[in-house]
N, C-alpha and C. Protein backbone atom coordinates (compact mmCIF):
# COMPACT_ATOMS: atom_id res chain seq x y z
N MET A 1 -22.37 -11.61 -76.07
CA MET A 1 -23.27 -12.72 -76.37
C MET A 1 -22.88 -13.30 -77.72
N THR A 2 -22.58 -14.57 -77.77
CA THR A 2 -22.24 -15.24 -79.02
C THR A 2 -23.44 -16.03 -79.50
N LEU A 3 -23.83 -15.77 -80.72
CA LEU A 3 -25.00 -16.43 -81.28
C LEU A 3 -24.59 -17.15 -82.56
N GLN A 4 -23.88 -18.25 -82.42
CA GLN A 4 -23.39 -18.95 -83.60
C GLN A 4 -24.52 -19.59 -84.41
N SER A 5 -25.68 -19.80 -83.79
CA SER A 5 -26.79 -20.37 -84.55
C SER A 5 -27.63 -19.28 -85.22
N VAL A 6 -27.21 -18.02 -85.06
CA VAL A 6 -27.90 -16.89 -85.70
C VAL A 6 -27.11 -16.47 -86.93
N LEU A 7 -27.82 -16.35 -88.04
CA LEU A 7 -27.21 -15.91 -89.29
C LEU A 7 -27.88 -14.61 -89.71
N VAL A 8 -27.09 -13.56 -89.84
CA VAL A 8 -27.59 -12.27 -90.31
C VAL A 8 -27.35 -12.22 -91.81
N THR A 9 -28.39 -11.89 -92.55
CA THR A 9 -28.30 -11.94 -94.01
C THR A 9 -28.40 -10.56 -94.65
N ASP A 10 -27.81 -10.47 -95.83
CA ASP A 10 -28.09 -9.32 -96.68
C ASP A 10 -29.28 -9.71 -97.56
N THR A 11 -29.66 -8.87 -98.48
CA THR A 11 -30.84 -9.19 -99.30
C THR A 11 -30.51 -10.09 -100.49
N ASN A 12 -29.29 -9.98 -101.04
CA ASN A 12 -29.02 -10.74 -102.26
C ASN A 12 -28.93 -12.24 -102.04
N ILE A 13 -28.65 -12.67 -100.83
CA ILE A 13 -28.59 -14.11 -100.56
C ILE A 13 -29.96 -14.74 -100.81
N TRP A 14 -31.03 -13.98 -100.51
CA TRP A 14 -32.39 -14.50 -100.69
C TRP A 14 -32.75 -14.60 -102.17
N ILE A 15 -32.21 -13.71 -102.98
CA ILE A 15 -32.45 -13.78 -104.42
C ILE A 15 -31.82 -15.05 -104.97
N ASP A 16 -30.57 -15.33 -104.58
CA ASP A 16 -29.91 -16.55 -105.04
C ASP A 16 -30.68 -17.80 -104.61
N LEU A 17 -31.14 -17.82 -103.36
CA LEU A 17 -31.87 -18.99 -102.86
C LEU A 17 -33.19 -19.16 -103.59
N GLU A 18 -33.88 -18.06 -103.86
CA GLU A 18 -35.13 -18.17 -104.62
C GLU A 18 -34.84 -18.65 -106.04
N ASN A 19 -33.80 -18.10 -106.66
CA ASN A 19 -33.44 -18.54 -108.01
C ASN A 19 -33.11 -20.03 -108.04
N GLY A 20 -32.54 -20.53 -106.96
CA GLY A 20 -32.23 -21.96 -106.86
C GLY A 20 -33.44 -22.81 -106.51
N GLY A 21 -34.56 -22.17 -106.19
CA GLY A 21 -35.78 -22.91 -105.84
C GLY A 21 -35.71 -23.59 -104.49
N ILE A 22 -34.93 -23.00 -103.55
CA ILE A 22 -34.72 -23.68 -102.27
C ILE A 22 -35.01 -22.78 -101.06
N LEU A 23 -35.95 -21.86 -101.20
CA LEU A 23 -36.29 -21.00 -100.07
C LEU A 23 -36.83 -21.79 -98.89
N ILE A 24 -37.72 -22.71 -99.15
CA ILE A 24 -38.31 -23.49 -98.06
C ILE A 24 -37.25 -24.34 -97.37
N GLU A 25 -36.40 -24.96 -98.17
CA GLU A 25 -35.39 -25.88 -97.63
C GLU A 25 -34.39 -25.19 -96.70
N VAL A 26 -34.04 -23.94 -96.99
CA VAL A 26 -33.03 -23.28 -96.15
C VAL A 26 -33.54 -23.11 -94.72
N PHE A 27 -34.84 -22.99 -94.55
CA PHE A 27 -35.39 -22.82 -93.21
C PHE A 27 -35.49 -24.14 -92.44
N ARG A 28 -35.08 -25.23 -93.06
CA ARG A 28 -34.97 -26.52 -92.36
C ARG A 28 -33.64 -26.63 -91.60
N LEU A 29 -32.75 -25.68 -91.85
CA LEU A 29 -31.46 -25.68 -91.16
C LEU A 29 -31.64 -25.25 -89.70
N PRO A 30 -30.73 -25.68 -88.83
CA PRO A 30 -30.86 -25.35 -87.40
C PRO A 30 -30.30 -23.96 -87.07
N TYR A 31 -30.73 -22.97 -87.84
CA TYR A 31 -30.28 -21.60 -87.65
C TYR A 31 -31.47 -20.66 -87.58
N GLN A 32 -31.25 -19.54 -86.92
CA GLN A 32 -32.22 -18.46 -86.94
C GLN A 32 -31.70 -17.43 -87.93
N PHE A 33 -32.52 -17.04 -88.88
CA PHE A 33 -32.14 -16.08 -89.91
C PHE A 33 -32.69 -14.70 -89.56
N LEU A 34 -31.80 -13.70 -89.56
CA LEU A 34 -32.18 -12.32 -89.26
C LEU A 34 -31.77 -11.42 -90.42
N ILE A 35 -32.48 -10.30 -90.52
CA ILE A 35 -32.15 -9.28 -91.51
C ILE A 35 -32.40 -7.93 -90.86
N PRO A 36 -31.62 -6.90 -91.17
CA PRO A 36 -31.92 -5.57 -90.60
C PRO A 36 -33.32 -5.13 -91.02
N ASP A 37 -34.06 -4.53 -90.09
CA ASP A 37 -35.45 -4.20 -90.37
C ASP A 37 -35.63 -3.25 -91.55
N PHE A 38 -34.71 -2.33 -91.75
CA PHE A 38 -34.94 -1.41 -92.86
C PHE A 38 -34.51 -1.98 -94.21
N ALA A 39 -34.12 -3.28 -94.23
CA ALA A 39 -33.90 -3.96 -95.51
C ALA A 39 -35.21 -4.48 -96.09
N ILE A 40 -36.26 -4.49 -95.28
CA ILE A 40 -37.54 -5.06 -95.71
C ILE A 40 -38.04 -4.45 -97.02
N PRO A 41 -38.02 -3.12 -97.19
CA PRO A 41 -38.52 -2.57 -98.46
C PRO A 41 -37.74 -3.04 -99.69
N GLU A 42 -36.50 -3.48 -99.50
CA GLU A 42 -35.68 -3.95 -100.62
C GLU A 42 -36.02 -5.39 -101.02
N LEU A 43 -36.73 -6.10 -100.15
CA LEU A 43 -37.08 -7.49 -100.44
C LEU A 43 -38.34 -7.55 -101.30
N LEU A 44 -38.13 -7.43 -102.59
CA LEU A 44 -39.24 -7.48 -103.55
C LEU A 44 -39.36 -8.85 -104.20
N ARG A 45 -38.24 -9.50 -104.39
CA ARG A 45 -38.21 -10.84 -104.95
C ARG A 45 -37.05 -11.60 -104.35
N PRO A 46 -37.27 -12.50 -103.45
CA PRO A 46 -38.58 -12.88 -102.91
C PRO A 46 -39.15 -11.79 -102.02
N ARG A 47 -40.44 -11.86 -101.84
CA ARG A 47 -41.13 -10.84 -101.05
C ARG A 47 -40.90 -11.08 -99.56
N TRP A 48 -40.85 -9.98 -98.82
CA TRP A 48 -40.67 -10.03 -97.37
C TRP A 48 -41.74 -10.91 -96.73
N GLU A 49 -42.98 -10.76 -97.15
CA GLU A 49 -44.08 -11.52 -96.53
C GLU A 49 -43.84 -13.03 -96.65
N THR A 50 -43.34 -13.47 -97.78
CA THR A 50 -43.03 -14.89 -97.97
C THR A 50 -41.92 -15.33 -97.03
N LEU A 51 -40.85 -14.56 -96.98
CA LEU A 51 -39.71 -14.91 -96.13
C LEU A 51 -40.08 -14.88 -94.65
N GLU A 52 -40.91 -13.93 -94.27
CA GLU A 52 -41.33 -13.84 -92.87
C GLU A 52 -42.14 -15.07 -92.46
N VAL A 53 -43.05 -15.50 -93.33
CA VAL A 53 -43.84 -16.70 -93.05
C VAL A 53 -42.93 -17.92 -92.91
N LEU A 54 -41.90 -17.98 -93.74
CA LEU A 54 -40.97 -19.12 -93.69
C LEU A 54 -40.07 -19.10 -92.46
N GLY A 55 -39.83 -17.91 -91.89
CA GLY A 55 -39.02 -17.87 -90.67
C GLY A 55 -38.00 -16.76 -90.57
N LEU A 56 -37.83 -15.94 -91.61
CA LEU A 56 -36.89 -14.82 -91.53
C LEU A 56 -37.43 -13.78 -90.56
N ARG A 57 -36.57 -13.27 -89.69
CA ARG A 57 -36.97 -12.27 -88.71
C ARG A 57 -36.21 -10.98 -88.95
N ALA A 58 -36.93 -9.88 -88.83
CA ALA A 58 -36.32 -8.55 -88.93
C ALA A 58 -35.81 -8.15 -87.56
N HIS A 59 -34.69 -7.47 -87.54
CA HIS A 59 -34.10 -7.03 -86.27
C HIS A 59 -33.73 -5.56 -86.41
N GLU A 60 -34.11 -4.78 -85.42
CA GLU A 60 -33.86 -3.34 -85.43
C GLU A 60 -32.45 -3.04 -84.92
N LEU A 61 -31.82 -2.08 -85.55
CA LEU A 61 -30.54 -1.59 -85.05
C LEU A 61 -30.81 -0.51 -84.00
N PRO A 62 -30.15 -0.59 -82.84
CA PRO A 62 -30.29 0.48 -81.84
C PRO A 62 -29.75 1.80 -82.38
N ALA A 63 -30.14 2.89 -81.74
CA ALA A 63 -29.77 4.23 -82.19
C ALA A 63 -28.27 4.40 -82.37
N GLU A 64 -27.47 3.86 -81.43
CA GLU A 64 -26.02 4.04 -81.55
C GLU A 64 -25.46 3.34 -82.78
N GLN A 65 -26.08 2.21 -83.18
CA GLN A 65 -25.63 1.53 -84.40
C GLN A 65 -26.06 2.30 -85.65
N VAL A 66 -27.19 2.99 -85.57
CA VAL A 66 -27.63 3.80 -86.70
C VAL A 66 -26.64 4.94 -86.93
N VAL A 67 -26.14 5.52 -85.84
CA VAL A 67 -25.12 6.57 -85.95
C VAL A 67 -23.85 5.98 -86.57
N GLU A 68 -23.45 4.81 -86.10
CA GLU A 68 -22.26 4.15 -86.65
C GLU A 68 -22.47 3.80 -88.13
N LEU A 69 -23.69 3.46 -88.48
CA LEU A 69 -24.02 3.15 -89.87
C LEU A 69 -23.73 4.35 -90.77
N GLY A 70 -24.12 5.52 -90.33
CA GLY A 70 -23.83 6.74 -91.09
C GLY A 70 -22.35 6.96 -91.27
N GLN A 71 -21.58 6.69 -90.23
CA GLN A 71 -20.13 6.85 -90.30
C GLN A 71 -19.50 5.82 -91.25
N LEU A 72 -19.99 4.58 -91.16
CA LEU A 72 -19.48 3.53 -92.05
C LEU A 72 -19.78 3.86 -93.51
N ARG A 73 -20.95 4.43 -93.75
CA ARG A 73 -21.35 4.76 -95.12
C ARG A 73 -20.37 5.77 -95.73
N GLN A 74 -19.88 6.68 -94.91
CA GLN A 74 -18.89 7.65 -95.40
C GLN A 74 -17.58 6.95 -95.78
N ALA A 75 -17.22 5.94 -95.01
CA ALA A 75 -15.95 5.24 -95.25
C ALA A 75 -16.05 4.18 -96.35
N TYR A 76 -17.23 3.59 -96.51
CA TYR A 76 -17.42 2.48 -97.46
C TYR A 76 -18.54 2.82 -98.44
N ARG A 77 -18.28 3.76 -99.30
CA ARG A 77 -19.29 4.23 -100.26
C ARG A 77 -19.66 3.17 -101.30
N ASN A 78 -18.82 2.16 -101.45
CA ASN A 78 -19.12 1.11 -102.43
C ASN A 78 -20.06 0.04 -101.88
N LEU A 79 -20.47 0.18 -100.62
CA LEU A 79 -21.44 -0.73 -100.01
C LEU A 79 -22.73 0.04 -99.72
N SER A 80 -23.86 -0.64 -99.89
CA SER A 80 -25.14 0.01 -99.63
C SER A 80 -25.38 0.14 -98.12
N MET A 81 -26.29 1.02 -97.77
CA MET A 81 -26.67 1.18 -96.36
C MET A 81 -27.20 -0.14 -95.80
N ILE A 82 -27.94 -0.86 -96.61
CA ILE A 82 -28.52 -2.13 -96.15
C ILE A 82 -27.43 -3.17 -95.92
N ASP A 83 -26.45 -3.23 -96.81
CA ASP A 83 -25.32 -4.15 -96.61
C ASP A 83 -24.57 -3.80 -95.33
N LEU A 84 -24.32 -2.52 -95.14
CA LEU A 84 -23.61 -2.08 -93.93
C LEU A 84 -24.45 -2.33 -92.67
N ALA A 85 -25.76 -2.21 -92.79
CA ALA A 85 -26.64 -2.51 -91.65
C ALA A 85 -26.55 -3.99 -91.29
N ALA A 86 -26.49 -4.86 -92.30
CA ALA A 86 -26.34 -6.30 -92.03
C ALA A 86 -25.00 -6.55 -91.34
N PHE A 87 -23.96 -5.90 -91.81
CA PHE A 87 -22.64 -6.02 -91.19
C PHE A 87 -22.70 -5.60 -89.72
N LEU A 88 -23.30 -4.44 -89.45
CA LEU A 88 -23.37 -3.94 -88.07
C LEU A 88 -24.22 -4.85 -87.18
N LEU A 89 -25.31 -5.36 -87.72
CA LEU A 89 -26.16 -6.25 -86.94
C LEU A 89 -25.41 -7.53 -86.58
N ALA A 90 -24.70 -8.11 -87.53
CA ALA A 90 -23.90 -9.31 -87.25
C ALA A 90 -22.83 -9.01 -86.21
N LYS A 91 -22.20 -7.86 -86.35
CA LYS A 91 -21.15 -7.45 -85.39
C LYS A 91 -21.75 -7.26 -84.00
N MET A 92 -22.89 -6.58 -83.93
CA MET A 92 -23.54 -6.30 -82.65
C MET A 92 -23.94 -7.59 -81.94
N LEU A 93 -24.44 -8.56 -82.71
CA LEU A 93 -24.92 -9.82 -82.13
C LEU A 93 -23.82 -10.88 -82.03
N ASP A 94 -22.64 -10.58 -82.54
CA ASP A 94 -21.55 -11.56 -82.65
C ASP A 94 -22.06 -12.80 -83.39
N ALA A 95 -22.76 -12.55 -84.48
CA ALA A 95 -23.37 -13.61 -85.28
C ALA A 95 -22.60 -13.75 -86.59
N THR A 96 -22.93 -14.78 -87.33
CA THR A 96 -22.35 -15.00 -88.65
C THR A 96 -23.10 -14.18 -89.68
N LEU A 97 -22.37 -13.58 -90.60
CA LEU A 97 -22.95 -12.80 -91.68
C LEU A 97 -23.04 -13.66 -92.93
N LEU A 98 -24.19 -13.65 -93.58
CA LEU A 98 -24.37 -14.33 -94.87
C LEU A 98 -24.50 -13.28 -95.95
N THR A 99 -23.63 -13.34 -96.93
CA THR A 99 -23.68 -12.36 -98.01
C THR A 99 -23.14 -12.95 -99.30
N GLY A 100 -23.61 -12.41 -100.39
CA GLY A 100 -23.07 -12.76 -101.69
C GLY A 100 -22.23 -11.64 -102.26
N ASP A 101 -22.07 -10.56 -101.51
CA ASP A 101 -21.32 -9.39 -101.96
C ASP A 101 -19.87 -9.52 -101.50
N TRP A 102 -18.94 -9.58 -102.45
CA TRP A 102 -17.53 -9.81 -102.08
C TRP A 102 -16.96 -8.65 -101.27
N ARG A 103 -17.43 -7.42 -101.54
CA ARG A 103 -16.92 -6.27 -100.78
C ARG A 103 -17.35 -6.35 -99.32
N LEU A 104 -18.61 -6.74 -99.11
CA LEU A 104 -19.11 -6.91 -97.75
C LEU A 104 -18.40 -8.08 -97.06
N ASN A 105 -18.16 -9.12 -97.81
CA ASN A 105 -17.43 -10.28 -97.31
C ASN A 105 -16.04 -9.86 -96.83
N GLU A 106 -15.34 -9.06 -97.62
CA GLU A 106 -14.00 -8.60 -97.25
C GLU A 106 -14.02 -7.72 -96.00
N LEU A 107 -15.00 -6.82 -95.91
CA LEU A 107 -15.12 -5.97 -94.72
C LEU A 107 -15.37 -6.82 -93.48
N ALA A 108 -16.25 -7.80 -93.60
CA ALA A 108 -16.56 -8.67 -92.46
C ALA A 108 -15.32 -9.45 -92.02
N LYS A 109 -14.61 -10.02 -92.97
CA LYS A 109 -13.39 -10.77 -92.63
C LYS A 109 -12.35 -9.87 -91.97
N ALA A 110 -12.17 -8.68 -92.52
CA ALA A 110 -11.19 -7.74 -91.95
C ALA A 110 -11.57 -7.32 -90.54
N SER A 111 -12.85 -7.39 -90.22
CA SER A 111 -13.34 -7.01 -88.89
C SER A 111 -13.43 -8.20 -87.94
N GLY A 112 -13.02 -9.37 -88.42
CA GLY A 112 -13.02 -10.55 -87.57
C GLY A 112 -14.36 -11.25 -87.46
N LEU A 113 -15.31 -10.91 -88.32
CA LEU A 113 -16.61 -11.57 -88.28
C LEU A 113 -16.56 -12.88 -89.05
N SER A 114 -17.36 -13.83 -88.60
CA SER A 114 -17.58 -15.05 -89.37
C SER A 114 -18.50 -14.68 -90.53
N VAL A 115 -18.12 -15.09 -91.74
CA VAL A 115 -18.92 -14.72 -92.92
C VAL A 115 -18.96 -15.88 -93.90
N HIS A 116 -20.13 -16.12 -94.46
CA HIS A 116 -20.34 -17.19 -95.44
C HIS A 116 -21.26 -16.69 -96.54
N GLY A 117 -21.45 -17.55 -97.56
CA GLY A 117 -22.32 -17.20 -98.67
C GLY A 117 -23.21 -18.35 -99.08
N ALA A 118 -23.71 -18.27 -100.30
CA ALA A 118 -24.68 -19.25 -100.80
C ALA A 118 -24.10 -20.66 -100.88
N LEU A 119 -22.83 -20.78 -101.27
CA LEU A 119 -22.24 -22.12 -101.37
C LEU A 119 -22.18 -22.80 -100.00
N TRP A 120 -21.84 -22.04 -98.98
CA TRP A 120 -21.81 -22.59 -97.62
C TRP A 120 -23.21 -23.04 -97.22
N LEU A 121 -24.22 -22.23 -97.56
CA LEU A 121 -25.60 -22.61 -97.24
C LEU A 121 -25.98 -23.91 -97.94
N LEU A 122 -25.60 -24.05 -99.20
CA LEU A 122 -25.87 -25.30 -99.90
C LEU A 122 -25.17 -26.47 -99.22
N ASP A 123 -23.91 -26.28 -98.83
CA ASP A 123 -23.18 -27.32 -98.10
C ASP A 123 -23.92 -27.71 -96.82
N GLU A 124 -24.39 -26.70 -96.10
CA GLU A 124 -25.12 -26.95 -94.85
C GLU A 124 -26.42 -27.71 -95.12
N MET A 125 -27.12 -27.35 -96.19
CA MET A 125 -28.37 -28.03 -96.50
C MET A 125 -28.14 -29.49 -96.85
N VAL A 126 -27.05 -29.78 -97.53
CA VAL A 126 -26.71 -31.18 -97.82
C VAL A 126 -26.31 -31.88 -96.52
N HIS A 127 -25.47 -31.24 -95.72
CA HIS A 127 -25.01 -31.83 -94.46
C HIS A 127 -26.18 -32.17 -93.53
N PHE A 128 -27.13 -31.24 -93.40
CA PHE A 128 -28.26 -31.44 -92.50
C PHE A 128 -29.44 -32.13 -93.18
N LYS A 129 -29.21 -32.61 -94.40
CA LYS A 129 -30.20 -33.37 -95.16
C LYS A 129 -31.48 -32.58 -95.47
N ALA A 130 -31.33 -31.26 -95.58
CA ALA A 130 -32.44 -30.44 -96.05
C ALA A 130 -32.55 -30.55 -97.57
N LEU A 131 -31.43 -30.92 -98.21
CA LEU A 131 -31.37 -31.17 -99.65
C LEU A 131 -30.56 -32.43 -99.89
N THR A 132 -30.94 -33.18 -100.91
CA THR A 132 -30.07 -34.27 -101.36
C THR A 132 -28.94 -33.64 -102.17
N PRO A 133 -27.82 -34.34 -102.32
CA PRO A 133 -26.76 -33.79 -103.16
C PRO A 133 -27.23 -33.46 -104.58
N GLY A 134 -28.06 -34.32 -105.14
CA GLY A 134 -28.58 -34.06 -106.49
C GLY A 134 -29.41 -32.80 -106.56
N HIS A 135 -30.26 -32.59 -105.56
CA HIS A 135 -31.09 -31.38 -105.51
C HIS A 135 -30.21 -30.15 -105.33
N ALA A 136 -29.15 -30.27 -104.54
CA ALA A 136 -28.22 -29.15 -104.36
C ALA A 136 -27.54 -28.79 -105.68
N ALA A 137 -27.17 -29.80 -106.47
CA ALA A 137 -26.55 -29.55 -107.78
C ALA A 137 -27.52 -28.82 -108.71
N ILE A 138 -28.78 -29.24 -108.69
CA ILE A 138 -29.80 -28.57 -109.52
C ILE A 138 -29.98 -27.13 -109.06
N ALA A 139 -30.06 -26.92 -107.76
CA ALA A 139 -30.24 -25.56 -107.22
C ALA A 139 -29.06 -24.67 -107.59
N LEU A 140 -27.85 -25.18 -107.45
CA LEU A 140 -26.66 -24.40 -107.79
C LEU A 140 -26.64 -24.06 -109.29
N THR A 141 -26.99 -25.02 -110.11
CA THR A 141 -27.05 -24.78 -111.56
C THR A 141 -28.05 -23.67 -111.89
N ARG A 142 -29.22 -23.72 -111.26
CA ARG A 142 -30.23 -22.67 -111.47
C ARG A 142 -29.70 -21.30 -111.03
N MET A 143 -29.07 -21.27 -109.87
CA MET A 143 -28.52 -20.00 -109.38
C MET A 143 -27.55 -19.41 -110.39
N LEU A 144 -26.66 -20.25 -110.89
CA LEU A 144 -25.65 -19.79 -111.85
C LEU A 144 -26.30 -19.34 -113.16
N GLU A 145 -27.28 -20.10 -113.63
CA GLU A 145 -27.98 -19.74 -114.87
C GLU A 145 -28.69 -18.40 -114.74
N LEU A 146 -29.12 -18.07 -113.52
CA LEU A 146 -29.87 -16.83 -113.30
C LEU A 146 -28.98 -15.70 -112.78
N GLY A 147 -27.66 -15.86 -112.90
CA GLY A 147 -26.76 -14.74 -112.67
C GLY A 147 -26.04 -14.68 -111.34
N ALA A 148 -26.10 -15.73 -110.53
CA ALA A 148 -25.36 -15.71 -109.26
C ALA A 148 -23.87 -15.60 -109.56
N ARG A 149 -23.21 -14.73 -108.82
CA ARG A 149 -21.76 -14.54 -109.00
C ARG A 149 -21.05 -15.31 -107.89
N LEU A 150 -20.71 -16.53 -108.21
CA LEU A 150 -20.07 -17.43 -107.24
C LEU A 150 -18.74 -17.89 -107.81
N PRO A 151 -17.79 -18.25 -106.94
CA PRO A 151 -16.47 -18.68 -107.41
C PRO A 151 -16.57 -19.93 -108.30
N ALA A 152 -16.11 -19.80 -109.54
CA ALA A 152 -16.27 -20.86 -110.54
C ALA A 152 -15.67 -22.19 -110.09
N LYS A 153 -14.45 -22.15 -109.56
CA LYS A 153 -13.78 -23.40 -109.17
C LYS A 153 -14.56 -24.11 -108.06
N GLU A 154 -15.03 -23.34 -107.08
CA GLU A 154 -15.80 -23.95 -105.99
C GLU A 154 -17.12 -24.52 -106.50
N CYS A 155 -17.74 -23.84 -107.45
CA CYS A 155 -18.99 -24.34 -108.03
C CYS A 155 -18.76 -25.66 -108.77
N ILE A 156 -17.70 -25.69 -109.58
CA ILE A 156 -17.38 -26.91 -110.33
C ILE A 156 -17.12 -28.07 -109.38
N ASN A 157 -16.35 -27.82 -108.32
CA ASN A 157 -16.06 -28.87 -107.34
C ASN A 157 -17.34 -29.43 -106.72
N ARG A 158 -18.25 -28.53 -106.35
CA ARG A 158 -19.50 -28.99 -105.74
C ARG A 158 -20.38 -29.72 -106.75
N LEU A 159 -20.49 -29.18 -107.94
CA LEU A 159 -21.32 -29.84 -108.95
C LEU A 159 -20.79 -31.23 -109.26
N THR A 160 -19.48 -31.37 -109.33
CA THR A 160 -18.86 -32.68 -109.57
C THR A 160 -19.17 -33.63 -108.41
N ARG A 161 -18.97 -33.16 -107.20
CA ARG A 161 -19.20 -33.98 -106.01
C ARG A 161 -20.67 -34.36 -105.87
N TRP A 162 -21.56 -33.41 -106.06
CA TRP A 162 -23.00 -33.65 -105.84
C TRP A 162 -23.66 -34.43 -106.97
N SER A 163 -23.04 -34.46 -108.13
CA SER A 163 -23.65 -35.13 -109.28
C SER A 163 -23.25 -36.60 -109.39
N LYS A 164 -22.45 -37.08 -108.46
CA LYS A 164 -21.99 -38.49 -108.51
C LYS A 164 -23.13 -39.43 -108.16
């Protein structure tokens, strides 16, 4: 089953979006956002309850994926269980993975998964008119000011383009 309109997220993507002040806007995109169910306790800011009301859905990993999760954790100790759960959920659903973690991004790419991050989401919000280019530039600036680790050259290109 291919679910290209489904985006499986890790937790840090939500922190960047909240820092950018664009949590509501991201749910205007034509995608369904999922997160592994046991990531819920990690969602403290923004809070799970807020994200759930906006449209984020928790998805349970079947028992066989939980076993695989334990095996992956042994092989990829530099990734958290929650990051690996997001990876497995995206793999299981043949969905796109959204992450801000470069190690998780590399694992997903090496496994043939479609993977994107916060900059792609901003591009999508501008494309689908959930944000104006100017609002996207402000959101990206806020994200960077609050510690988002995004590729500098790509950020500069977007800020230049969106600030015209």
